């Protein structure tokens, strides 16, 4: 899904959209993330931890690859909480809210000066003060493209985990 969001975002920006429309589209994409990020990571963790501990002890290399796959897919959560929320997502949320409010649209009230990184939410502020200032100076198109490029990291991590898991399953 992360790869799909990146591709959709690139397609949205191919034909320049008005800033308000782009802000709405990005916010909608962002608000869908609770439905797929955590379930994807949890299913990846469980589908790799389980065979790692159920495989015979004579297959140590297979266990190692399953554990590596589980840890790789699990790394998406710290990347999301510690990098995306205070920086990329925070900047886009701040800019989208600002643009939608200026246009008289309903936009989430971003409560709190800064939300702890371990509880991301589309309704709470997660941007650092520096990130908010950068968002105010930038345009939504540039911020969304930075978000799409950064999302490539997450789908690359997921692909690496799938490769490790596949090798553990089929290659050994």
N, C-alpha and C. Protein backbone atom coordinates (compact mmCIF):
# COMPACT_ATOMS: atom_id res chain seq x y z
N UNK A 1 0.82 -1.19 0.00
CA UNK A 1 0.00 0.00 0.00
C UNK A 1 0.86 1.26 0.00
N UNK A 2 2.00 1.22 0.67
CA UNK A 2 2.87 2.39 0.68
C UNK A 2 3.34 2.69 -0.73
N UNK A 3 3.71 1.65 -1.48
CA UNK A 3 4.13 1.85 -2.86
C UNK A 3 2.99 2.44 -3.68
N UNK A 4 1.78 1.94 -3.46
CA UNK A 4 0.63 2.45 -4.19
C UNK A 4 0.39 3.92 -3.86
N UNK A 5 0.51 4.30 -2.59
CA UNK A 5 0.35 5.71 -2.22
C UNK A 5 1.39 6.57 -2.91
N UNK A 6 2.62 6.09 -2.98
CA UNK A 6 3.67 6.86 -3.64
C UNK A 6 3.35 7.03 -5.11
N UNK A 7 2.87 5.97 -5.76
CA UNK A 7 2.53 6.06 -7.17
C UNK A 7 1.33 6.97 -7.40
N UNK A 8 0.33 6.88 -6.54
CA UNK A 8 -0.84 7.75 -6.64
C UNK A 8 -0.43 9.20 -6.46
N UNK A 9 0.43 9.45 -5.47
CA UNK A 9 0.88 10.81 -5.20
C UNK A 9 1.63 11.37 -6.40
N UNK A 10 2.51 10.57 -7.00
CA UNK A 10 3.24 11.03 -8.18
C UNK A 10 2.29 11.35 -9.32
N UNK A 11 1.25 10.53 -9.49
CA UNK A 11 0.26 10.78 -10.54
C UNK A 11 -0.53 12.06 -10.25
N UNK A 12 -0.86 12.29 -8.98
CA UNK A 12 -1.59 13.50 -8.61
C UNK A 12 -0.79 14.75 -8.94
N UNK A 13 0.52 14.67 -8.75
CA UNK A 13 1.35 15.84 -8.96
C UNK A 13 1.79 16.01 -10.41
N UNK A 14 1.56 15.00 -11.25
CA UNK A 14 1.94 15.11 -12.66
C UNK A 14 1.17 16.24 -13.33
N UNK A 15 -0.12 16.34 -13.02
CA UNK A 15 -0.93 17.46 -13.49
C UNK A 15 -1.15 18.35 -12.27
N UNK A 16 -0.59 19.56 -12.28
CA UNK A 16 -0.67 20.40 -11.09
C UNK A 16 -2.11 20.61 -10.61
N UNK A 17 -2.31 20.30 -9.35
CA UNK A 17 -3.62 20.46 -8.73
C UNK A 17 -3.61 21.74 -7.90
N UNK A 18 -4.76 22.36 -7.73
CA UNK A 18 -4.82 23.51 -6.84
C UNK A 18 -4.39 23.07 -5.43
N UNK A 19 -3.71 23.95 -4.70
CA UNK A 19 -3.20 23.57 -3.38
C UNK A 19 -4.25 23.01 -2.44
N UNK A 20 -5.46 23.58 -2.45
CA UNK A 20 -6.51 23.10 -1.55
C UNK A 20 -6.89 21.66 -1.89
N UNK A 21 -7.01 21.35 -3.18
CA UNK A 21 -7.36 19.99 -3.60
C UNK A 21 -6.24 19.02 -3.23
N UNK A 22 -5.01 19.41 -3.46
CA UNK A 22 -3.87 18.55 -3.12
C UNK A 22 -3.81 18.31 -1.62
N UNK A 23 -4.09 19.34 -0.83
CA UNK A 23 -4.11 19.19 0.63
C UNK A 23 -5.18 18.19 1.06
N UNK A 24 -6.37 18.28 0.45
CA UNK A 24 -7.45 17.34 0.77
C UNK A 24 -7.06 15.91 0.38
N UNK A 25 -6.48 15.77 -0.81
CA UNK A 25 -6.10 14.44 -1.28
C UNK A 25 -5.02 13.82 -0.38
N UNK A 26 -4.02 14.61 -0.03
CA UNK A 26 -2.96 14.08 0.83
C UNK A 26 -3.53 13.70 2.19
N UNK A 27 -4.36 14.57 2.76
CA UNK A 27 -4.93 14.29 4.07
C UNK A 27 -5.76 13.01 4.05
N UNK A 28 -6.49 12.80 2.96
CA UNK A 28 -7.27 11.56 2.84
C UNK A 28 -6.35 10.34 2.79
N UNK A 29 -5.29 10.41 2.00
CA UNK A 29 -4.32 9.30 1.95
C UNK A 29 -3.72 9.05 3.33
N UNK A 30 -3.34 10.12 4.00
CA UNK A 30 -2.71 9.99 5.32
C UNK A 30 -3.67 9.37 6.33
N UNK A 31 -4.93 9.76 6.29
CA UNK A 31 -5.91 9.24 7.24
C UNK A 31 -6.22 7.77 7.03
N UNK A 32 -5.84 7.21 5.89
CA UNK A 32 -6.04 5.78 5.64
C UNK A 32 -4.94 4.92 6.26
N UNK A 33 -3.83 5.52 6.64
CA UNK A 33 -2.67 4.74 7.11
C UNK A 33 -2.95 3.85 8.32
N UNK A 34 -3.78 4.24 9.29
CA UNK A 34 -4.03 3.32 10.41
C UNK A 34 -4.68 2.01 9.98
N UNK A 35 -5.32 2.01 8.82
CA UNK A 35 -5.99 0.80 8.34
C UNK A 35 -5.03 -0.19 7.70
N UNK A 36 -3.81 0.25 7.34
CA UNK A 36 -2.92 -0.69 6.67
C UNK A 36 -1.51 -0.75 7.22
N UNK A 37 -0.96 0.30 7.83
CA UNK A 37 0.43 0.24 8.30
C UNK A 37 0.57 -0.78 9.43
N UNK A 38 -0.15 -0.60 10.51
CA UNK A 38 -0.01 -1.51 11.65
C UNK A 38 -0.42 -2.94 11.29
N UNK A 39 -1.56 -3.17 10.61
CA UNK A 39 -1.89 -4.55 10.23
C UNK A 39 -0.83 -5.20 9.34
N UNK A 40 -0.26 -4.43 8.42
CA UNK A 40 0.78 -4.98 7.55
C UNK A 40 2.01 -5.37 8.35
N UNK A 41 2.43 -4.49 9.24
CA UNK A 41 3.61 -4.78 10.05
C UNK A 41 3.35 -5.96 10.98
N UNK A 42 2.21 -5.97 11.64
CA UNK A 42 1.91 -7.07 12.57
C UNK A 42 1.80 -8.42 11.86
N UNK A 43 1.20 -8.43 10.68
CA UNK A 43 1.12 -9.70 9.95
C UNK A 43 2.50 -10.13 9.47
N UNK A 44 3.35 -9.18 9.09
CA UNK A 44 4.72 -9.51 8.71
C UNK A 44 5.53 -10.04 9.87
N UNK A 45 5.34 -9.41 11.04
CA UNK A 45 6.04 -9.90 12.24
C UNK A 45 5.61 -11.31 12.59
N UNK A 46 4.30 -11.53 12.66
CA UNK A 46 3.81 -12.85 13.08
C UNK A 46 4.12 -13.92 12.05
N UNK A 47 4.03 -13.59 10.78
CA UNK A 47 4.29 -14.60 9.75
C UNK A 47 5.76 -14.95 9.63
N UNK A 48 6.63 -14.19 10.27
CA UNK A 48 8.05 -14.53 10.27
C UNK A 48 8.54 -15.03 11.63
N UNK A 49 8.01 -14.47 12.71
CA UNK A 49 8.41 -14.97 14.03
C UNK A 49 7.93 -16.41 14.25
N UNK A 50 6.71 -16.69 13.83
CA UNK A 50 6.17 -18.04 14.06
C UNK A 50 7.04 -19.13 13.43
N UNK A 51 7.33 -19.07 12.12
CA UNK A 51 8.17 -20.14 11.56
C UNK A 51 9.60 -20.12 12.10
N UNK A 52 10.07 -18.95 12.52
CA UNK A 52 11.43 -18.89 13.07
C UNK A 52 11.55 -19.75 14.31
N UNK A 53 10.51 -19.76 15.12
CA UNK A 53 10.58 -20.51 16.36
C UNK A 53 9.97 -21.91 16.23
N UNK A 54 9.35 -22.19 15.11
CA UNK A 54 8.80 -23.53 14.88
C UNK A 54 9.71 -24.38 14.01
N UNK A 55 10.69 -23.76 13.37
CA UNK A 55 11.57 -24.53 12.49
C UNK A 55 12.51 -25.39 13.33
N UNK A 56 12.87 -26.55 12.82
CA UNK A 56 13.78 -27.43 13.57
C UNK A 56 15.11 -26.74 13.86
N UNK A 57 15.70 -27.07 14.98
CA UNK A 57 16.94 -26.40 15.38
C UNK A 57 18.08 -26.70 14.41
N UNK A 58 17.95 -27.75 13.61
CA UNK A 58 19.00 -28.05 12.63
C UNK A 58 18.99 -27.05 11.48
N UNK A 59 17.94 -26.25 11.39
CA UNK A 59 17.83 -25.27 10.30
C UNK A 59 18.13 -23.87 10.83
N UNK A 60 19.26 -23.70 11.48
CA UNK A 60 19.61 -22.40 12.07
C UNK A 60 19.64 -21.27 11.06
N UNK A 61 20.11 -21.56 9.85
CA UNK A 61 20.17 -20.50 8.84
C UNK A 61 18.76 -20.04 8.47
N UNK A 62 17.83 -20.96 8.37
CA UNK A 62 16.45 -20.61 8.07
C UNK A 62 15.87 -19.74 9.18
N UNK A 63 16.12 -20.11 10.42
CA UNK A 63 15.65 -19.32 11.56
C UNK A 63 16.22 -17.91 11.50
N UNK A 64 17.49 -17.80 11.16
CA UNK A 64 18.14 -16.49 11.06
C UNK A 64 17.46 -15.62 10.01
N UNK A 65 17.12 -16.19 8.86
CA UNK A 65 16.47 -15.41 7.81
C UNK A 65 15.05 -15.00 8.21
N UNK A 66 14.32 -15.88 8.87
CA UNK A 66 12.99 -15.50 9.36
C UNK A 66 13.07 -14.37 10.39
N UNK A 67 14.02 -14.48 11.30
CA UNK A 67 14.19 -13.42 12.30
C UNK A 67 14.60 -12.11 11.65
N UNK A 68 15.50 -12.19 10.67
CA UNK A 68 15.92 -10.98 9.95
C UNK A 68 14.73 -10.34 9.23
N UNK A 69 13.88 -11.17 8.63
CA UNK A 69 12.69 -10.65 7.95
C UNK A 69 11.74 -9.98 8.94
N UNK A 70 11.54 -10.62 10.10
CA UNK A 70 10.65 -10.05 11.11
C UNK A 70 11.18 -8.72 11.63
N UNK A 71 12.46 -8.66 11.90
CA UNK A 71 13.05 -7.41 12.40
C UNK A 71 13.04 -6.33 11.33
N UNK A 72 13.23 -6.72 10.09
CA UNK A 72 13.22 -5.75 8.99
C UNK A 72 11.83 -5.14 8.84
N UNK A 73 10.79 -5.98 8.79
CA UNK A 73 9.43 -5.43 8.65
C UNK A 73 9.04 -4.65 9.91
N UNK A 74 9.50 -5.12 11.06
CA UNK A 74 9.20 -4.41 12.31
C UNK A 74 9.84 -3.04 12.38
N UNK A 75 10.93 -2.84 11.64
CA UNK A 75 11.61 -1.54 11.66
C UNK A 75 10.78 -0.43 11.04
N UNK A 76 9.71 -0.79 10.33
CA UNK A 76 8.85 0.24 9.74
C UNK A 76 8.19 1.09 10.83
N UNK A 77 7.85 0.49 11.97
CA UNK A 77 7.18 1.26 13.02
C UNK A 77 8.09 2.34 13.61
N UNK A 78 9.33 2.03 14.02
CA UNK A 78 10.18 3.12 14.52
C UNK A 78 10.48 4.17 13.45
N UNK A 79 10.62 3.73 12.19
CA UNK A 79 10.84 4.69 11.11
C UNK A 79 9.64 5.64 11.03
N UNK A 80 8.44 5.07 11.13
CA UNK A 80 7.22 5.87 11.05
C UNK A 80 7.10 6.82 12.24
N UNK A 81 7.28 6.29 13.45
CA UNK A 81 7.07 7.10 14.65
C UNK A 81 8.16 8.12 14.88
N UNK A 82 9.39 7.77 14.61
CA UNK A 82 10.51 8.65 14.95
C UNK A 82 10.97 9.54 13.81
N UNK A 83 10.70 9.15 12.57
CA UNK A 83 11.10 9.99 11.44
C UNK A 83 9.89 10.63 10.77
N UNK A 84 8.95 9.81 10.33
CA UNK A 84 7.83 10.34 9.55
C UNK A 84 6.97 11.32 10.33
N UNK A 85 6.53 10.92 11.52
CA UNK A 85 5.59 11.77 12.26
C UNK A 85 6.15 13.15 12.59
N UNK A 86 7.32 13.26 13.20
CA UNK A 86 7.78 14.61 13.54
C UNK A 86 8.25 15.42 12.33
N UNK A 87 8.54 14.77 11.23
CA UNK A 87 9.11 15.49 10.08
C UNK A 87 8.15 15.52 8.90
N UNK A 88 8.13 14.47 8.12
CA UNK A 88 7.40 14.46 6.85
C UNK A 88 5.89 14.57 7.05
N UNK A 89 5.32 13.67 7.83
CA UNK A 89 3.87 13.71 8.06
C UNK A 89 3.46 14.98 8.80
N UNK A 90 4.26 15.36 9.79
CA UNK A 90 3.94 16.56 10.56
C UNK A 90 3.89 17.80 9.70
N UNK A 91 4.86 17.94 8.79
CA UNK A 91 4.89 19.10 7.90
C UNK A 91 3.68 19.10 6.97
N UNK A 92 3.37 17.95 6.40
CA UNK A 92 2.22 17.89 5.49
C UNK A 92 0.91 18.13 6.23
N UNK A 93 0.77 17.57 7.44
CA UNK A 93 -0.45 17.81 8.23
C UNK A 93 -0.61 19.30 8.52
N UNK A 94 0.48 19.92 8.93
CA UNK A 94 0.43 21.34 9.28
C UNK A 94 0.04 22.18 8.07
N UNK A 95 0.67 21.91 6.93
CA UNK A 95 0.39 22.69 5.72
C UNK A 95 -1.03 22.42 5.22
N UNK A 96 -1.46 21.16 5.22
CA UNK A 96 -2.82 20.83 4.76
C UNK A 96 -3.86 21.51 5.63
N UNK A 97 -3.67 21.46 6.95
CA UNK A 97 -4.61 22.11 7.86
C UNK A 97 -4.65 23.61 7.59
N UNK A 98 -3.50 24.21 7.43
CA UNK A 98 -3.42 25.65 7.19
C UNK A 98 -4.15 26.02 5.90
N UNK A 99 -3.89 25.29 4.81
CA UNK A 99 -4.52 25.59 3.52
C UNK A 99 -6.03 25.39 3.58
N UNK A 100 -6.46 24.31 4.21
CA UNK A 100 -7.90 24.05 4.28
C UNK A 100 -8.62 25.07 5.15
N UNK A 101 -8.00 25.48 6.22
CA UNK A 101 -8.60 26.52 7.08
C UNK A 101 -8.69 27.85 6.33
N UNK A 102 -7.63 28.20 5.60
CA UNK A 102 -7.63 29.45 4.84
C UNK A 102 -8.74 29.45 3.79
N UNK A 103 -9.04 28.28 3.24
CA UNK A 103 -10.08 28.17 2.22
C UNK A 103 -11.47 28.02 2.82
N UNK A 104 -11.57 28.05 4.15
CA UNK A 104 -12.86 27.92 4.81
C UNK A 104 -13.36 26.49 4.90
N UNK A 105 -12.50 25.54 4.61
CA UNK A 105 -12.87 24.13 4.68
C UNK A 105 -12.71 23.61 6.10
N UNK A 106 -13.39 22.51 6.36
CA UNK A 106 -13.22 21.84 7.64
C UNK A 106 -11.86 21.13 7.62
N UNK A 107 -11.07 21.40 8.63
CA UNK A 107 -9.76 20.76 8.75
C UNK A 107 -9.59 20.31 10.19
N UNK A 108 -8.86 19.24 10.39
CA UNK A 108 -8.68 18.78 11.78
C UNK A 108 -7.98 19.83 12.62
N UNK A 109 -8.47 20.01 13.82
CA UNK A 109 -7.78 20.89 14.78
C UNK A 109 -6.61 20.09 15.33
N UNK A 110 -5.43 20.58 15.07
CA UNK A 110 -4.24 19.87 15.51
C UNK A 110 -3.92 20.30 16.93
N UNK A 111 -4.39 19.52 17.88
CA UNK A 111 -4.24 19.88 19.28
C UNK A 111 -2.85 19.54 19.79
N UNK A 112 -2.46 20.25 20.82
CA UNK A 112 -1.17 19.98 21.46
C UNK A 112 -0.03 20.63 20.72
N UNK A 113 0.98 21.05 21.47
CA UNK A 113 2.15 21.63 20.83
C UNK A 113 2.89 20.58 20.03
N UNK A 114 3.02 19.41 20.61
CA UNK A 114 3.66 18.30 19.90
C UNK A 114 3.19 17.01 20.54
N UNK A 115 2.69 16.13 19.72
CA UNK A 115 2.23 14.83 20.18
C UNK A 115 3.43 13.92 20.38
N UNK A 116 3.45 13.12 21.43
CA UNK A 116 4.54 12.15 21.55
C UNK A 116 4.59 11.26 20.31
N UNK A 117 5.79 10.96 19.85
CA UNK A 117 5.97 10.23 18.60
C UNK A 117 5.35 8.84 18.62
N UNK A 118 5.12 8.28 19.79
CA UNK A 118 4.59 6.92 19.85
C UNK A 118 3.09 6.85 19.61
N UNK A 119 2.42 7.99 19.44
CA UNK A 119 0.98 7.98 19.23
C UNK A 119 0.63 8.85 18.02
N UNK A 120 0.95 8.40 16.80
CA UNK A 120 0.63 9.23 15.65
C UNK A 120 -0.87 9.32 15.42
N UNK A 121 -1.32 10.46 14.95
CA UNK A 121 -2.75 10.66 14.71
C UNK A 121 -2.91 11.79 13.70
N UNK A 122 -3.91 11.65 12.85
CA UNK A 122 -4.19 12.72 11.90
C UNK A 122 -4.88 13.89 12.58
N UNK A 123 -5.31 13.70 13.81
CA UNK A 123 -6.00 14.75 14.56
C UNK A 123 -5.09 15.47 15.55
N UNK A 124 -3.87 15.04 15.67
CA UNK A 124 -2.94 15.62 16.65
C UNK A 124 -1.70 16.16 15.93
N UNK A 125 -1.11 17.17 16.52
CA UNK A 125 0.10 17.74 15.97
C UNK A 125 1.28 16.83 16.28
N UNK A 126 2.07 16.54 15.29
CA UNK A 126 3.26 15.72 15.52
C UNK A 126 4.52 16.40 15.01
N UNK A 127 4.37 17.53 14.35
CA UNK A 127 5.52 18.22 13.78
C UNK A 127 6.31 18.96 14.85
N UNK A 128 7.61 18.97 14.66
CA UNK A 128 8.45 19.80 15.52
C UNK A 128 8.24 21.25 15.11
N UNK A 129 8.65 22.16 15.95
CA UNK A 129 8.50 23.58 15.64
C UNK A 129 9.24 23.93 14.34
N UNK A 130 10.42 23.37 14.15
CA UNK A 130 11.19 23.63 12.93
C UNK A 130 10.46 23.09 11.70
N UNK A 131 9.85 21.93 11.85
CA UNK A 131 9.10 21.34 10.73
C UNK A 131 7.90 22.20 10.37
N UNK A 132 7.20 22.71 11.37
CA UNK A 132 6.05 23.59 11.10
C UNK A 132 6.49 24.85 10.38
N UNK A 133 7.61 25.42 10.81
CA UNK A 133 8.11 26.63 10.16
C UNK A 133 8.48 26.34 8.71
N UNK A 134 9.10 25.19 8.46
CA UNK A 134 9.45 24.81 7.09
C UNK A 134 8.18 24.61 6.26
N UNK A 135 7.15 24.02 6.86
CA UNK A 135 5.89 23.80 6.15
C UNK A 135 5.23 25.12 5.79
N UNK A 136 5.30 26.09 6.68
CA UNK A 136 4.70 27.40 6.41
C UNK A 136 5.41 28.11 5.26
N UNK A 137 6.71 27.90 5.14
CA UNK A 137 7.47 28.54 4.06
C UNK A 137 7.31 27.81 2.72
N UNK A 138 7.06 26.51 2.76
CA UNK A 138 7.00 25.70 1.55
C UNK A 138 5.61 25.63 0.95
N UNK A 139 5.53 24.98 -0.19
CA UNK A 139 4.23 24.76 -0.80
C UNK A 139 3.85 23.29 -0.64
N UNK A 140 2.56 23.02 -0.71
CA UNK A 140 2.05 21.68 -0.44
C UNK A 140 2.58 20.67 -1.47
N UNK A 141 2.76 21.07 -2.71
CA UNK A 141 3.26 20.15 -3.73
C UNK A 141 4.65 19.64 -3.40
N UNK A 142 5.52 20.53 -2.96
CA UNK A 142 6.88 20.14 -2.58
C UNK A 142 6.86 19.23 -1.37
N UNK A 143 6.02 19.55 -0.39
CA UNK A 143 5.93 18.73 0.81
C UNK A 143 5.39 17.33 0.50
N UNK A 144 4.37 17.26 -0.36
CA UNK A 144 3.79 15.96 -0.70
C UNK A 144 4.79 15.13 -1.51
N UNK A 145 5.55 15.76 -2.38
CA UNK A 145 6.58 15.01 -3.11
C UNK A 145 7.65 14.49 -2.17
N UNK A 146 8.03 15.28 -1.17
CA UNK A 146 9.00 14.80 -0.17
C UNK A 146 8.41 13.63 0.60
N UNK A 147 7.12 13.70 0.91
CA UNK A 147 6.43 12.60 1.59
C UNK A 147 6.44 11.34 0.73
N UNK A 148 6.15 11.49 -0.56
CA UNK A 148 6.14 10.33 -1.46
C UNK A 148 7.53 9.71 -1.58
N UNK A 149 8.55 10.55 -1.72
CA UNK A 149 9.92 10.03 -1.80
C UNK A 149 10.32 9.31 -0.52
N UNK A 150 9.96 9.87 0.61
CA UNK A 150 10.29 9.23 1.89
C UNK A 150 9.53 7.92 2.04
N UNK A 151 8.32 7.84 1.51
CA UNK A 151 7.55 6.60 1.57
C UNK A 151 8.21 5.48 0.80
N UNK A 152 9.01 5.82 -0.21
CA UNK A 152 9.74 4.79 -0.94
C UNK A 152 10.63 3.99 0.00
N UNK A 153 11.15 4.62 1.03
CA UNK A 153 11.97 3.90 2.01
C UNK A 153 11.16 2.80 2.68
N UNK A 154 9.93 3.10 3.04
CA UNK A 154 9.13 2.09 3.74
C UNK A 154 8.78 0.92 2.84
N UNK A 155 8.44 1.18 1.59
CA UNK A 155 8.12 0.02 0.75
C UNK A 155 9.38 -0.74 0.38
N UNK A 156 10.54 -0.08 0.33
CA UNK A 156 11.80 -0.80 0.10
C UNK A 156 12.12 -1.70 1.29
N UNK A 157 11.87 -1.21 2.50
CA UNK A 157 12.07 -2.03 3.71
C UNK A 157 11.13 -3.23 3.68
N UNK A 158 9.89 -3.01 3.33
CA UNK A 158 8.93 -4.11 3.23
C UNK A 158 9.32 -5.12 2.17
N UNK A 159 9.84 -4.64 1.05
CA UNK A 159 10.30 -5.54 -0.02
C UNK A 159 11.50 -6.36 0.43
N UNK A 160 12.42 -5.72 1.16
CA UNK A 160 13.58 -6.45 1.68
C UNK A 160 13.13 -7.54 2.65
N UNK A 161 12.17 -7.22 3.50
CA UNK A 161 11.64 -8.22 4.44
C UNK A 161 10.98 -9.37 3.69
N UNK A 162 10.23 -9.06 2.65
CA UNK A 162 9.59 -10.11 1.85
C UNK A 162 10.64 -10.99 1.18
N UNK A 163 11.71 -10.38 0.70
CA UNK A 163 12.79 -11.16 0.09
C UNK A 163 13.46 -12.09 1.08
N UNK A 164 13.74 -11.59 2.28
CA UNK A 164 14.35 -12.43 3.32
C UNK A 164 13.42 -13.58 3.71
N UNK A 165 12.15 -13.27 3.86
CA UNK A 165 11.18 -14.29 4.22
C UNK A 165 11.03 -15.33 3.11
N UNK A 166 10.97 -14.86 1.89
CA UNK A 166 10.87 -15.78 0.76
C UNK A 166 12.08 -16.69 0.65
N UNK A 167 13.25 -16.12 0.87
CA UNK A 167 14.47 -16.93 0.83
C UNK A 167 14.47 -17.97 1.95
N UNK A 168 14.01 -17.58 3.13
CA UNK A 168 13.94 -18.53 4.24
C UNK A 168 12.96 -19.66 3.93
N UNK A 169 11.88 -19.32 3.24
CA UNK A 169 10.85 -20.31 2.95
C UNK A 169 11.23 -21.20 1.77
N UNK A 170 11.69 -20.61 0.70
CA UNK A 170 11.90 -21.35 -0.54
C UNK A 170 13.36 -21.64 -0.87
N UNK A 171 14.24 -20.80 -0.38
CA UNK A 171 15.64 -20.90 -0.81
C UNK A 171 16.52 -21.80 0.02
N UNK A 172 16.07 -22.20 1.19
CA UNK A 172 16.95 -23.00 2.06
C UNK A 172 16.52 -24.45 2.11
